[in-house]
Amino acid sequence: MRVNFRRTGAVKRLRGLKVRLTSHITLVLVTLTCAAAVLLCGFAWLAAVKVDDFYLRRQADFVAQGLEEQINALPREQESVTKWDDAFLYAKQRNHEWLLDNVGRWTSQYFGHDRTYIFDDSNRLMFAFRDGADAMPPRLGSDDGEEMTALTREMRAALLEPRKPGGEPLGQLARVRTVMIGNRPAITSARPILPSSTRMQIEAGQEFIAISVKFIDAKAVESIAHYARLEGMHFAASKNGARAQVPVSTRDGGTIGYLVWNPIRPGFMLLQQIAPAGLGCLALLIAAVFWLGRGLHRTSLTLIDSQAELTHHRNHLEEMVGDRTAEIERQRAELDRLLAHERQVNALQRQFVAMASHEFRTPLAIIDAAAQRLCRSTTNVSGDYVHEKAGVIRSAVVRMVDLMESILASGRLETGQIILKRSEGDLKALLVACCDRQRELGRSHVFHLDLELLPDVLTFDRSAMEQVFTNLISNAVKYSPHAPDIYVRAWVDEKMVKVAIADSGIGMDADDLPKLFQPYYRARSATGIAGTGIGLNVVKQVVELHGGSVEVASELGKGTTVTISLPIEVLLSDQQVAA
């Protein structure tokens, strides 16, 4: 029954493998074909982009040349009316009718100048022809007055400059500028009106100045577009994101606008024309590849059928070996963990037995010695002597009781059997009682108490907290044999009640601080001083059960400060907490 089930599973896996192989082969072939097609399309697109970029640069060059030709043509066109004996003579005579027919109308109708101005030798306007009409009396337009005045002053300054040998001849002197007049870009040219023959002479600074204005609008732009063989050209004041544009620059390098046109893109035009045929060929190619992939799949099935059973048995064996290996490895890891734990427990037990034996032996020896002395002193025994020996015995007994309480508390904490029983009490009185009891046992130390800032009533487990403070105060006494001052200070910091117990004793290294609260751990500086290493562990766990924390600051040879922080909210509640 088990064998039949395995064969059925093998057959199912074989069918699934056939389906996956068919899909894989077909997918690979179709993917390769599509990748080749995408690569070919990418190369075609890149070629089209390169061709279009090159052609756009050529278009921009033609537009720039056309614009430059328009700018250079204006002073040449002016020359026909500014370098002429009649124009020089009639301008001097201020013959308005002659200037209107032979200068204003001539430049407007023949050359297409939009505005023509003539300024006399004192830079006053004497003739104005604007937008195909005579302006009488002569006056500048509201939009070009500042530009025309500035251009006239510039030309007058150039005329007054001394002629340098080899410099620009006076007859070819011109000032051409590209400016904005109102909201329209324009080409302006200023030239002096000079005689064309030597029969007439003129003194420097006495020349009349003619200014022509030609807007870069429909006619000028149409001429540039015709020169560059482009369509849809127009002027735009700012960039609009189009790639087909040429800036119209001023004399100082600024830009007043752009000539924009509809770009001719032969590369993309060609792609658009061949795209339908290319997509059809691609579809046929993918269909052919798919058909070839199906045929290749049929030829591969025979090999799969012959190897399927062997592959099944091999995989099953590998699974069995893998499962068994994993189980053995898991068991080995568990045994290693248990062995390491057992070794650690044994080491801790040996360490604890040694320390506990020593700790119990010391107070028992003290009790025995005091009892023997009392037995030998049967006569002449004073009350003070008996009181002294009884105090020694009581101190040793208290020490043994504290030791036993610490051991029992540690055991209860490890097994989770401690339940805090909170009740209202006076933490200040508890601290004073602990200090008084320690003062009776060690009269050589002086306790400095600063507990006035503690609240009068708090809720805590008196027995547990008594054990905490007894441990800490006895440690302060024990580890400061030659420093009698012990400082116990308490205060409220925001939402925490803090109690600090400080001594000036032997202290400890900084390396011991992180391990100080581990069970049975003792600092290296405590060598030769009695102790089990469980007191601070009990302190930490009891304080944490109250929702607080313990901090230790110590320096070797300078003493130790232990600070307990307890949250006021927890100390004001009456809930029970189980360890």
Protein backbone atom coordinates (compact mmCIF):
# COMPACT_ATOMS: atom_id res chain seq x y z
CA MET A 1 0.00 0.00 0.00
CA ARG A 2 2.87 2.33 0.83
CA VAL A 3 4.64 1.53 -2.45
CA ASN A 4 1.53 2.30 -4.49
CA PHE A 5 1.18 5.62 -2.73
CA ARG A 6 4.77 6.52 -3.56
CA ARG A 7 4.28 5.57 -7.22
CA THR A 8 1.12 7.67 -7.40
CA GLY A 9 3.03 10.62 -5.94
CA ALA A 10 5.85 10.09 -8.43
CA VAL A 11 3.40 10.12 -11.33
CA LYS A 12 1.85 13.35 -10.10
CA ARG A 13 5.26 14.96 -9.74
CA LEU A 14 6.21 13.77 -13.24
CA ARG A 15 3.09 15.37 -14.72
CA GLY A 16 3.82 18.58 -12.89
CA LEU A 17 7.43 18.48 -14.12
CA LYS A 18 6.24 18.06 -17.72
CA VAL A 19 3.96 21.06 -17.42
CA ARG A 20 6.72 23.16 -15.84
CA LEU A 21 9.22 22.11 -18.52
CA THR A 22 6.81 23.02 -21.30
CA SER A 23 6.13 26.38 -19.76
CA HIS A 24 9.84 26.96 -19.04
CA ILE A 25 11.07 26.15 -22.56
CA THR A 26 8.31 28.17 -24.20
CA LEU A 27 8.83 31.05 -21.79
CA VAL A 28 12.59 31.09 -22.38
CA LEU A 29 12.25 31.10 -26.15
CA VAL A 30 9.53 33.75 -26.14
CA THR A 31 11.54 35.82 -23.68
CA LEU A 32 14.68 35.60 -25.81
CA THR A 33 12.68 36.56 -28.88
CA CYS A 34 11.06 39.48 -27.11
CA ALA A 35 14.43 40.56 -25.73
CA ALA A 36 15.92 40.50 -29.24
CA ALA A 37 12.92 42.45 -30.54
CA VAL A 38 13.19 44.98 -27.71
CA LEU A 39 16.93 45.31 -28.37
CA LEU A 40 16.29 45.87 -32.07
CA CYS A 41 13.57 48.41 -31.30
CA GLY A 42 15.90 50.09 -28.84
CA PHE A 43 18.62 50.42 -31.45
CA ALA A 44 16.06 51.77 -33.92
CA TRP A 45 14.78 54.26 -31.37
CA LEU A 46 18.34 55.34 -30.48
CA ALA A 47 19.17 55.80 -34.16
CA ALA A 48 15.99 57.85 -34.61
CA VAL A 49 16.88 60.01 -31.60
CA LYS A 50 20.40 60.60 -32.93
CA VAL A 51 19.09 61.52 -36.38
CA ASP A 52 16.47 63.82 -34.87
CA ASP A 53 19.04 65.50 -32.62
CA PHE A 54 21.34 66.09 -35.56
CA TYR A 55 18.49 67.44 -37.67
CA LEU A 56 17.29 69.68 -34.84
CA ARG A 57 20.78 71.14 -34.55
CA ARG A 58 20.77 71.80 -38.29
CA GLN A 59 17.35 73.46 -38.02
CA ALA A 60 18.59 75.60 -35.11
CA ASP A 61 21.66 76.60 -37.14
CA PHE A 62 19.48 77.64 -40.10
CA VAL A 63 17.15 79.63 -37.80
CA ALA A 64 20.13 81.33 -36.13
CA GLN A 65 21.58 82.17 -39.54
CA GLY A 66 18.22 83.52 -40.71
CA LEU A 67 17.92 85.68 -37.60
CA GLU A 68 21.49 86.92 -38.04
CA GLU A 69 20.72 87.74 -41.66
CA GLN A 70 17.68 89.78 -40.58
CA ILE A 71 19.80 91.68 -38.06
CA ASN A 72 22.62 92.35 -40.55
CA ALA A 73 20.21 93.28 -43.33
CA LEU A 74 18.70 96.26 -41.47
CA PRO A 75 21.82 98.52 -41.55
CA ARG A 76 22.47 97.52 -45.20
CA GLU A 77 18.91 98.51 -46.09
CA GLN A 78 19.37 101.80 -44.25
CA GLU A 79 22.45 102.57 -46.30
CA SER A 80 20.31 103.20 -49.42
CA VAL A 81 18.74 106.28 -47.76
CA THR A 82 21.45 107.42 -45.31
CA LYS A 83 24.42 107.56 -47.70
CA TRP A 84 22.89 109.86 -50.31
CA ASP A 85 23.53 113.45 -51.28
CA ASP A 86 19.82 114.25 -51.63
CA ALA A 87 18.95 112.75 -48.27
CA PHE A 88 21.81 114.70 -46.66
CA LEU A 89 20.71 117.97 -48.34
CA TYR A 90 16.95 117.66 -47.72
CA ALA A 91 17.44 116.52 -44.15
CA LYS A 92 19.52 119.64 -43.50
CA GLN A 93 16.74 121.72 -45.08
CA ARG A 94 14.17 119.80 -42.98
CA ASN A 95 12.08 119.14 -46.11
CA HIS A 96 9.34 117.02 -44.57
CA GLU A 97 7.57 116.07 -47.81
CA TRP A 98 10.73 114.82 -49.45
CA LEU A 99 11.72 112.82 -46.36
CA LEU A 100 8.20 111.35 -46.18
CA ASP A 101 8.25 110.12 -49.79
CA ASN A 102 11.91 109.09 -50.13
CA VAL A 103 12.75 107.89 -46.63
CA GLY A 104 9.63 107.00 -44.61
CA ARG A 105 7.46 105.42 -47.30
CA TRP A 106 10.41 103.96 -49.18
CA THR A 107 11.85 102.04 -46.20
CA SER A 108 8.36 100.96 -45.12
CA GLN A 109 7.05 99.73 -48.47
CA TYR A 110 10.24 98.40 -50.02
CA PHE A 111 12.19 97.05 -47.04
CA GLY A 112 9.32 96.47 -44.62
CA HIS A 113 10.69 98.74 -41.85
CA ASP A 114 8.03 99.30 -39.23
CA ARG A 115 9.32 102.63 -37.87
CA THR A 116 11.74 105.28 -39.10
CA TYR A 117 13.04 108.23 -37.06
CA ILE A 118 15.43 111.08 -37.97
CA PHE A 119 17.18 113.10 -35.25
CA ASP A 120 18.91 116.41 -36.02
CA ASP A 121 22.43 117.46 -34.96
CA SER A 122 21.14 118.38 -31.46
CA ASN A 123 19.49 114.95 -30.98
CA ARG A 124 15.97 116.34 -31.36
CA LEU A 125 13.42 114.32 -33.28
CA MET A 126 12.58 116.03 -36.58
CA PHE A 127 10.90 113.19 -38.54
CA ALA A 128 8.86 110.16 -37.50
CA PHE A 129 7.18 107.50 -39.65
CA ARG A 130 5.46 104.73 -37.65
CA ASP A 131 3.44 101.72 -38.75
CA GLY A 132 2.99 103.01 -42.33
CA ALA A 133 1.80 106.52 -41.33
CA ASP A 134 3.42 109.93 -40.97
CA ALA A 135 3.58 111.15 -37.37
CA MET A 136 2.90 114.90 -37.30
CA PRO A 137 4.10 116.59 -35.29
CA PRO A 138 7.12 114.24 -35.02
CA ARG A 139 7.04 112.28 -31.79
CA LEU A 140 8.31 108.99 -30.44
CA GLY A 141 5.96 106.16 -29.56
CA SER A 142 4.92 105.55 -25.97
CA ASP A 143 6.68 102.19 -26.07
CA ASP A 144 9.99 103.04 -27.79
CA GLY A 145 10.92 106.51 -26.53
CA GLU A 146 13.55 105.35 -24.03
CA GLU A 147 15.15 102.87 -26.44
CA MET A 148 15.32 105.37 -29.34
CA THR A 149 16.77 108.13 -27.16
CA ALA A 150 19.45 105.82 -25.76
CA LEU A 151 20.38 104.54 -29.23
CA THR A 152 20.65 108.12 -30.54
CA ARG A 153 22.98 109.12 -27.71
CA GLU A 154 25.12 106.07 -28.32
CA MET A 155 25.44 106.87 -32.02
CA ARG A 156 26.20 110.53 -31.27
CA ALA A 157 28.95 109.47 -28.86
CA ALA A 158 30.43 107.21 -31.56
CA LEU A 159 30.35 110.08 -34.08
CA LEU A 160 32.17 112.40 -31.69
CA GLU A 161 34.98 109.92 -31.05
CA PRO A 162 38.18 110.68 -32.96
CA ARG A 163 38.67 108.43 -36.00
CA LYS A 164 41.54 106.01 -35.49
CA PRO A 165 43.73 104.98 -38.42
CA GLY A 166 42.48 101.67 -39.77
CA GLY A 167 39.27 101.99 -37.73
CA GLU A 168 35.69 101.70 -38.93
CA PRO A 169 34.98 104.26 -41.74
CA LEU A 170 32.38 106.89 -41.01
CA GLY A 171 30.25 105.72 -43.95
CA GLN A 172 29.97 102.21 -42.49
CA LEU A 173 29.31 103.30 -38.91
CA ALA A 174 26.11 101.72 -37.52
CA ARG A 175 24.71 100.64 -34.21
CA VAL A 176 22.40 97.62 -34.38
CA ARG A 177 20.52 96.39 -31.32
CA THR A 178 17.91 93.71 -30.53
CA VAL A 179 15.42 95.10 -27.99
CA MET A 180 11.91 94.68 -26.65
CA ILE A 181 9.53 97.48 -27.66
CA GLY A 182 6.45 97.05 -25.56
CA ASN A 183 5.78 93.31 -25.73
CA ARG A 184 7.28 92.91 -29.20
CA PRO A 185 10.88 92.00 -30.06
CA ALA A 186 12.51 94.32 -32.57
CA ILE A 187 15.76 94.99 -34.42
CA THR A 188 16.89 98.63 -34.28
CA SER A 189 19.66 100.22 -36.35
CA ALA A 190 21.07 103.76 -36.14
CA ARG A 191 23.18 105.29 -38.94
CA PRO A 192 24.33 108.84 -39.67
CA ILE A 193 22.94 110.56 -42.80
CA LEU A 194 26.06 111.32 -44.92
CA PRO A 195 26.66 112.64 -48.46
CA SER A 196 27.58 110.02 -51.03
CA SER A 197 30.03 112.29 -52.91
CA THR A 198 32.88 114.61 -51.98
CA ARG A 199 31.06 117.72 -53.19
CA MET A 200 29.46 118.16 -49.79
CA GLN A 201 31.36 118.35 -46.54
CA ILE A 202 30.09 117.94 -43.00
CA GLU A 203 31.69 118.75 -39.72
CA ALA A 204 32.00 116.10 -37.00
CA GLY A 205 29.02 116.17 -34.64
CA GLN A 206 26.73 117.93 -37.15
CA GLU A 207 25.37 114.70 -38.66
CA PHE A 208 21.70 113.84 -38.67
CA ILE A 209 20.92 110.32 -37.38
CA ALA A 210 18.39 107.94 -38.94
CA ILE A 211 16.97 105.04 -36.89
CA SER A 212 14.99 102.15 -38.38
CA VAL A 213 12.93 99.67 -36.39
CA LYS A 214 11.93 96.25 -37.71
CA PHE A 215 9.79 94.04 -35.51
CA ILE A 216 10.55 90.35 -35.36
CA ASP A 217 6.94 89.50 -35.95
CA ALA A 218 4.98 87.77 -38.66
CA LYS A 219 6.91 89.07 -41.71
CA ALA A 220 10.39 88.72 -40.23
CA VAL A 221 9.64 85.35 -38.67
CA GLU A 222 8.06 84.17 -41.93
CA SER A 223 11.21 85.19 -43.78
CA ILE A 224 13.39 83.27 -41.29
CA ALA A 225 11.09 80.23 -41.48
CA HIS A 226 11.20 80.34 -45.28
CA TYR A 227 14.99 80.56 -45.13
CA ALA A 228 15.17 77.51 -42.82
CA ARG A 229 12.34 75.61 -44.58
CA LEU A 230 10.33 75.33 -41.37
CA GLU A 231 6.67 75.69 -40.42
CA GLY A 232 4.84 77.04 -37.39
CA MET A 233 7.60 79.41 -36.30
CA HIS A 234 6.70 82.15 -33.82
CA PHE A 235 8.26 84.26 -31.11
CA ALA A 236 7.88 83.28 -27.44
CA ALA A 237 8.92 85.45 -24.50
CA SER A 238 10.09 82.48 -22.38
CA LYS A 239 11.08 78.85 -22.69
CA ASN A 240 8.12 76.52 -22.98
CA GLY A 241 9.96 73.22 -22.75
CA ALA A 242 10.20 72.77 -26.51
CA ARG A 243 13.49 71.53 -27.93
CA ALA A 244 13.12 73.44 -31.19
CA GLN A 245 13.94 77.01 -30.19
CA VAL A 246 16.70 79.60 -30.70
CA PRO A 247 17.28 82.49 -28.26
CA VAL A 248 17.05 86.10 -29.41
CA SER A 249 19.96 87.77 -27.63
CA THR A 250 20.71 91.38 -26.76
CA ARG A 251 24.04 93.19 -27.01
CA ASP A 252 24.98 92.48 -23.36
CA GLY A 253 24.37 88.74 -23.69
CA GLY A 254 20.85 88.69 -22.28
CA THR A 255 17.87 87.00 -23.90
CA ILE A 256 14.63 88.77 -24.78
CA GLY A 257 12.86 85.68 -26.05
CA TYR A 258 12.99 82.65 -28.29
CA LEU A 259 12.10 81.73 -31.85
CA VAL A 260 10.09 78.52 -31.56
CA TRP A 261 8.97 76.22 -34.35
CA ASN A 262 7.46 72.81 -34.95
CA PRO A 263 10.51 70.55 -35.29
CA ILE A 264 10.92 68.20 -38.22
CA ARG A 265 11.89 64.76 -36.85
CA PRO A 266 12.71 62.43 -39.73
CA GLY A 267 13.80 59.61 -37.38
CA PHE A 268 10.46 59.34 -35.59
CA MET A 269 8.58 59.90 -38.83
CA LEU A 270 10.33 56.84 -40.22
CA LEU A 271 9.59 54.84 -37.06
CA GLN A 272 5.90 55.76 -37.30
CA GLN A 273 5.80 54.56 -40.90
CA ILE A 274 7.48 51.21 -40.26
CA ALA A 275 5.90 50.53 -36.84
CA PRO A 276 2.79 48.61 -38.11
CA ALA A 277 4.85 46.31 -40.32
CA GLY A 278 7.41 45.80 -37.54
CA LEU A 279 4.73 44.86 -34.98
CA GLY A 280 3.21 42.37 -37.43
CA CYS A 281 6.58 40.74 -38.06
CA LEU A 282 7.21 40.58 -34.31
CA ALA A 283 3.87 38.83 -33.72
CA LEU A 284 4.64 36.26 -36.43
CA LEU A 285 8.09 35.70 -34.98
CA ILE A 286 6.73 35.09 -31.47
CA ALA A 287 4.13 32.65 -32.85
CA ALA A 288 6.84 30.75 -34.73
CA VAL A 289 9.06 30.59 -31.65
CA PHE A 290 6.14 29.36 -29.54
CA TRP A 291 5.46 26.57 -32.06
CA LEU A 292 9.14 25.58 -32.06
CA GLY A 293 9.14 25.54 -28.25
CA ARG A 294 6.22 23.11 -28.19
CA GLY A 295 8.07 20.80 -30.58
CA LEU A 296 11.21 20.94 -28.46
CA HIS A 297 9.12 20.03 -25.43
CA ARG A 298 7.77 16.87 -27.10
CA THR A 299 11.27 15.66 -27.85
CA SER A 300 12.29 16.20 -24.19
CA LEU A 301 9.49 14.16 -22.59
CA THR A 302 11.08 10.78 -23.39
CA LEU A 303 14.19 11.62 -21.38
CA ILE A 304 12.08 12.87 -18.47
CA ASP A 305 10.02 9.64 -18.37
CA SER A 306 13.16 7.49 -18.15
CA GLN A 307 14.69 9.50 -15.33
CA ALA A 308 11.59 10.24 -13.25
CA GLU A 309 11.60 7.06 -11.12
CA LEU A 310 15.31 7.31 -10.35
CA THR A 311 14.90 10.96 -9.38
CA HIS A 312 12.00 10.04 -7.08
CA HIS A 313 13.99 7.37 -5.20
CA ARG A 314 17.01 9.62 -4.93
CA ASN A 315 14.96 12.50 -3.53
CA HIS A 316 13.22 10.18 -1.06
CA LEU A 317 16.53 8.82 0.18
CA GLU A 318 17.94 12.32 0.52
CA GLU A 319 14.89 13.37 2.52
CA MET A 320 15.28 10.41 4.88
CA VAL A 321 18.98 11.07 5.37
CA GLY A 322 18.35 14.77 5.87
CA ASP A 323 15.59 14.20 8.43
CA ARG A 324 17.70 11.70 10.36
CA THR A 325 20.73 13.99 10.29
CA ALA A 326 18.65 16.93 11.51
CA GLU A 327 17.19 14.83 14.34
CA ILE A 328 20.65 13.65 15.42
CA GLU A 329 21.96 17.22 15.28
CA ARG A 330 19.03 18.46 17.34
CA GLN A 331 19.55 15.77 19.96
CA ARG A 332 23.27 16.51 20.11
CA ALA A 333 22.63 20.25 20.58
CA GLU A 334 20.11 19.50 23.34
CA LEU A 335 22.55 17.18 25.11
CA ASP A 336 25.31 19.80 24.86
CA ARG A 337 22.98 22.40 26.32
CA LEU A 338 21.92 20.16 29.17
CA LEU A 339 25.51 19.17 29.88
CA ALA A 340 26.65 22.80 29.95
CA HIS A 341 23.73 23.67 32.24
CA GLU A 342 24.56 20.75 34.54
CA ARG A 343 28.18 21.82 34.73
CA GLN A 344 27.18 25.36 35.53
CA VAL A 345 24.75 24.21 38.23
CA ASN A 346 27.36 21.93 39.74
CA ALA A 347 29.94 24.73 39.76
CA LEU A 348 27.48 27.13 41.38
CA GLN A 349 26.52 24.52 43.93
CA ARG A 350 30.15 23.84 44.82
CA GLN A 351 30.82 27.57 45.06
CA PHE A 352 27.70 28.15 47.15
CA VAL A 353 28.42 25.22 49.50
CA ALA A 354 31.95 26.50 50.06
CA MET A 355 30.78 30.05 50.77
CA ALA A 356 27.82 28.98 52.89
CA SER A 357 29.98 26.60 54.93
CA HIS A 358 32.40 29.39 55.61
CA GLU A 359 29.63 31.87 56.38
CA PHE A 360 27.86 29.54 58.83
CA ARG A 361 31.14 28.44 60.41
CA THR A 362 32.15 32.00 61.32
CA PRO A 363 29.06 32.98 63.41
CA LEU A 364 28.92 29.50 64.97
CA ALA A 365 32.55 29.88 66.03
CA ILE A 366 31.73 33.27 67.54
CA ILE A 367 28.73 31.81 69.44
CA ASP A 368 30.81 28.87 70.66
CA ALA A 369 33.66 31.11 71.83
CA ALA A 370 31.29 33.45 73.69
CA ALA A 371 29.48 30.52 75.32
CA GLN A 372 32.79 28.92 76.46
CA ARG A 373 33.89 32.16 78.05
CA LEU A 374 30.60 32.41 79.89
CA CYS A 375 31.03 28.82 81.09
CA ARG A 376 34.55 29.45 82.35
CA SER A 377 33.58 32.68 84.08
CA THR A 378 31.45 31.17 86.85
CA THR A 379 32.63 33.60 89.47
CA ASN A 380 32.87 37.30 89.58
CA VAL A 381 30.82 37.71 86.39
CA SER A 382 29.51 41.22 86.08
CA GLY A 383 26.31 42.18 84.33
CA ASP A 384 28.22 44.22 81.71
CA TYR A 385 30.37 41.23 80.86
CA VAL A 386 27.33 39.03 80.37
CA HIS A 387 25.59 41.78 78.36
CA GLU A 388 28.67 42.08 76.12
CA LYS A 389 28.90 38.35 75.44
CA ALA A 390 25.15 38.11 74.91
CA GLY A 391 25.43 40.94 72.36
CA VAL A 392 28.18 39.02 70.54
CA ILE A 393 26.03 35.88 70.49
CA ARG A 394 22.98 37.86 69.33
CA SER A 395 25.01 39.55 66.57
CA ALA A 396 26.22 36.14 65.35
CA VAL A 397 22.69 34.75 65.47
CA VAL A 398 21.33 37.75 63.55
CA ARG A 399 24.05 37.24 60.98
CA MET A 400 23.07 33.56 60.59
CA VAL A 401 19.38 34.49 60.36
CA ASP A 402 20.10 37.11 57.67
CA LEU A 403 22.19 34.57 55.80
CA MET A 404 19.41 32.01 55.93
CA GLU A 405 16.82 34.59 54.88
CA SER A 406 18.97 35.58 51.89
CA ILE A 407 19.37 31.93 50.86
CA LEU A 408 15.64 31.23 51.24
CA ALA A 409 14.68 34.44 49.39
CA SER A 410 17.05 33.56 46.55
CA GLY A 411 15.50 30.12 46.29
CA ARG A 412 11.96 31.51 46.28
CA LEU A 413 12.90 34.05 43.61
CA GLU A 414 14.43 31.38 41.39
CA THR A 415 11.31 29.21 41.66
CA GLY A 416 8.88 32.15 41.34
CA GLN A 417 7.24 31.60 44.70
CA ILE A 418 7.55 35.14 46.12
CA ILE A 419 4.32 37.15 46.31
CA LEU A 420 4.65 40.76 47.41
CA LYS A 421 2.13 41.69 50.07
CA ARG A 422 1.81 45.44 49.98
CA SER A 423 0.59 47.49 52.87
CA GLU A 424 0.77 51.12 53.86
CA GLY A 425 3.87 51.97 55.83
CA ASP A 426 6.52 54.53 56.62
CA LEU A 427 9.59 53.94 54.46
CA LYS A 428 11.49 56.50 56.51
CA ALA A 429 10.87 54.60 59.76
CA LEU A 430 11.93 51.35 58.07
CA LEU A 431 15.25 52.90 57.01
CA VAL A 432 15.85 54.28 60.53
CA ALA A 433 15.11 50.86 62.07
CA CYS A 434 17.52 49.11 59.70
CA CYS A 435 20.25 51.64 60.52
CA ASP A 436 19.60 51.30 64.27
CA ARG A 437 19.86 47.53 64.15
CA GLN A 438 23.10 47.75 62.18
CA ARG A 439 24.37 50.39 64.61
CA GLU A 440 23.90 47.94 67.49
CA LEU A 441 25.85 45.25 65.62
CA GLY A 442 28.67 47.51 64.45
CA ARG A 443 29.22 50.37 66.87
CA SER A 444 32.35 51.62 65.09
CA HIS A 445 30.31 53.13 62.20
CA VAL A 446 28.39 56.40 62.14
CA PHE A 447 25.16 56.70 60.10
CA HIS A 448 24.28 60.05 58.52
CA LEU A 449 20.58 60.10 57.63
CA ASP A 450 18.87 62.58 55.29
CA LEU A 451 15.29 61.27 54.92
CA GLU A 452 13.14 64.38 55.36
CA LEU A 453 12.00 64.47 51.71
CA LEU A 454 10.38 61.02 51.81
CA PRO A 455 6.53 60.89 51.72
CA ASP A 456 4.99 59.94 55.05
CA VAL A 457 2.88 57.04 53.75
CA LEU A 458 3.76 54.64 50.92
CA THR A 459 2.54 51.18 49.95
CA PHE A 460 5.19 48.42 49.79
CA ASP A 461 6.07 44.96 51.10
CA ARG A 462 7.69 45.74 54.44
CA SER A 463 9.40 42.38 54.87
CA ALA A 464 10.93 42.40 51.37
CA MET A 465 12.04 46.02 51.56
CA GLU A 466 13.48 45.45 55.05
CA GLN A 467 15.61 42.68 53.60
CA VAL A 468 16.72 44.98 50.75
CA PHE A 469 17.86 47.80 53.04
CA THR A 470 19.38 45.41 55.58
CA ASN A 471 21.51 43.86 52.83
CA LEU A 472 22.62 47.22 51.45
CA ILE A 473 23.39 48.80 54.85
CA SER A 474 25.23 45.71 56.10
CA ASN A 475 27.27 45.68 52.85
CA ALA A 476 28.16 49.34 53.36
CA VAL A 477 29.39 48.55 56.87
CA LYS A 478 31.14 45.32 55.89
CA TYR A 479 33.07 46.74 52.94
CA SER A 480 34.19 49.94 54.70
CA PRO A 481 36.07 48.64 57.77
CA HIS A 482 38.30 51.72 58.00
CA ALA A 483 35.76 54.35 56.88
CA PRO A 484 33.16 54.76 59.60
CA ASP A 485 30.83 57.24 57.85
CA ILE A 486 27.75 55.72 56.15
CA TYR A 487 25.40 58.11 54.31
CA VAL A 488 21.72 57.25 53.77
CA ARG A 489 19.87 59.86 51.74
CA ALA A 490 16.36 59.83 50.24
CA TRP A 491 14.51 62.23 47.95
CA VAL A 492 11.73 62.45 45.35
CA ASP A 493 12.81 63.02 41.73
CA GLU A 494 9.85 63.72 39.42
CA LYS A 495 7.81 60.47 39.66
CA MET A 496 10.43 58.39 41.47
CA VAL A 497 11.32 57.85 45.12
CA LYS A 498 15.09 57.42 45.37
CA VAL A 499 17.17 56.07 48.27
CA ALA A 500 20.99 56.23 48.09
CA ILE A 501 23.32 54.36 50.50
CA ALA A 502 26.94 55.47 50.19
CA ASP A 503 30.17 54.48 51.91
CA SER A 504 33.84 55.40 51.51
CA GLY A 505 35.14 51.86 51.72
CA ILE A 506 37.16 49.60 49.45
CA GLY A 507 34.99 50.08 46.35
CA MET A 508 35.41 47.90 43.26
CA ASP A 509 36.70 47.88 39.67
CA ALA A 510 34.52 49.06 36.80
CA ASP A 511 34.81 45.57 35.26
CA ASP A 512 32.89 44.07 38.22
CA LEU A 513 29.85 46.36 37.95
CA PRO A 514 28.03 44.59 35.03
CA LYS A 515 28.25 41.19 36.85
CA LEU A 516 27.50 42.47 40.34
CA PHE A 517 23.85 41.29 40.43
CA GLN A 518 24.53 37.75 39.20
CA PRO A 519 23.88 35.00 41.80
CA TYR A 520 26.95 34.07 43.87
CA TYR A 521 29.15 36.62 42.11
CA ARG A 522 31.58 38.60 44.29
CA ALA A 523 33.83 41.46 43.27
CA ARG A 524 37.57 40.91 43.22
CA SER A 525 38.09 43.58 45.84
CA ALA A 526 35.92 41.58 48.31
CA THR A 527 38.52 38.81 48.70
CA GLY A 528 38.98 37.98 52.40
CA ILE A 529 35.65 39.54 53.43
CA ALA A 530 32.79 37.21 54.38
CA GLY A 531 29.84 36.99 51.94
CA THR A 532 27.83 34.61 49.75
CA GLY A 533 27.19 36.77 46.68
CA ILE A 534 23.38 36.38 46.78
CA GLY A 535 22.41 39.53 48.67
CA LEU A 536 22.58 41.98 45.74
CA ASN A 537 20.77 39.50 43.47
CA VAL A 538 17.90 39.41 45.98
CA VAL A 539 17.97 43.23 46.22
CA LYS A 540 17.70 43.65 42.46
CA GLN A 541 14.83 41.20 42.04
CA VAL A 542 12.80 42.59 44.96
CA VAL A 543 13.22 46.18 43.73
CA GLU A 544 12.21 45.19 40.20
CA LEU A 545 9.11 43.45 41.59
CA HIS A 546 8.21 46.83 43.08
CA GLY A 547 8.61 48.34 39.60
CA GLY A 548 11.93 50.03 40.39
CA SER A 549 15.61 49.77 39.45
CA VAL A 550 19.02 49.61 41.14
CA GLU A 551 22.11 51.57 40.11
CA VAL A 552 25.63 51.11 41.47
CA ALA A 553 28.46 53.64 41.21
CA SER A 554 31.83 52.60 42.58
CA GLU A 555 35.52 53.35 42.29
CA LEU A 556 38.28 51.18 43.66
CA GLY A 557 39.53 52.56 47.00
CA LYS A 558 36.99 55.41 47.08
CA GLY A 559 33.76 53.71 48.10
CA THR A 560 30.43 52.64 46.63
CA THR A 561 27.02 54.26 46.19
CA VAL A 562 23.90 52.12 45.63
CA THR A 563 20.80 54.03 44.47
CA ILE A 564 17.32 52.47 44.50
CA SER A 565 14.60 54.08 42.37
CA LEU A 566 10.94 53.22 43.08
CA PRO A 567 8.03 54.67 41.04
CA ILE A 568 5.61 56.65 43.18
CA GLU A 569 2.58 55.36 41.22
CA VAL A 570 3.39 51.77 42.16
CA LEU A 571 4.15 52.68 45.78
CA LEU A 572 0.78 54.40 46.07
CA SER A 573 -1.17 51.36 44.80
CA ASP A 574 -2.15 48.33 46.81
CA GLN A 575 -1.95 45.58 44.16
CA GLN A 576 -0.09 42.33 44.77
CA VAL A 577 2.73 41.24 42.46
CA ALA A 578 3.80 37.61 42.10
CA ALA A 579 7.34 36.74 41.13
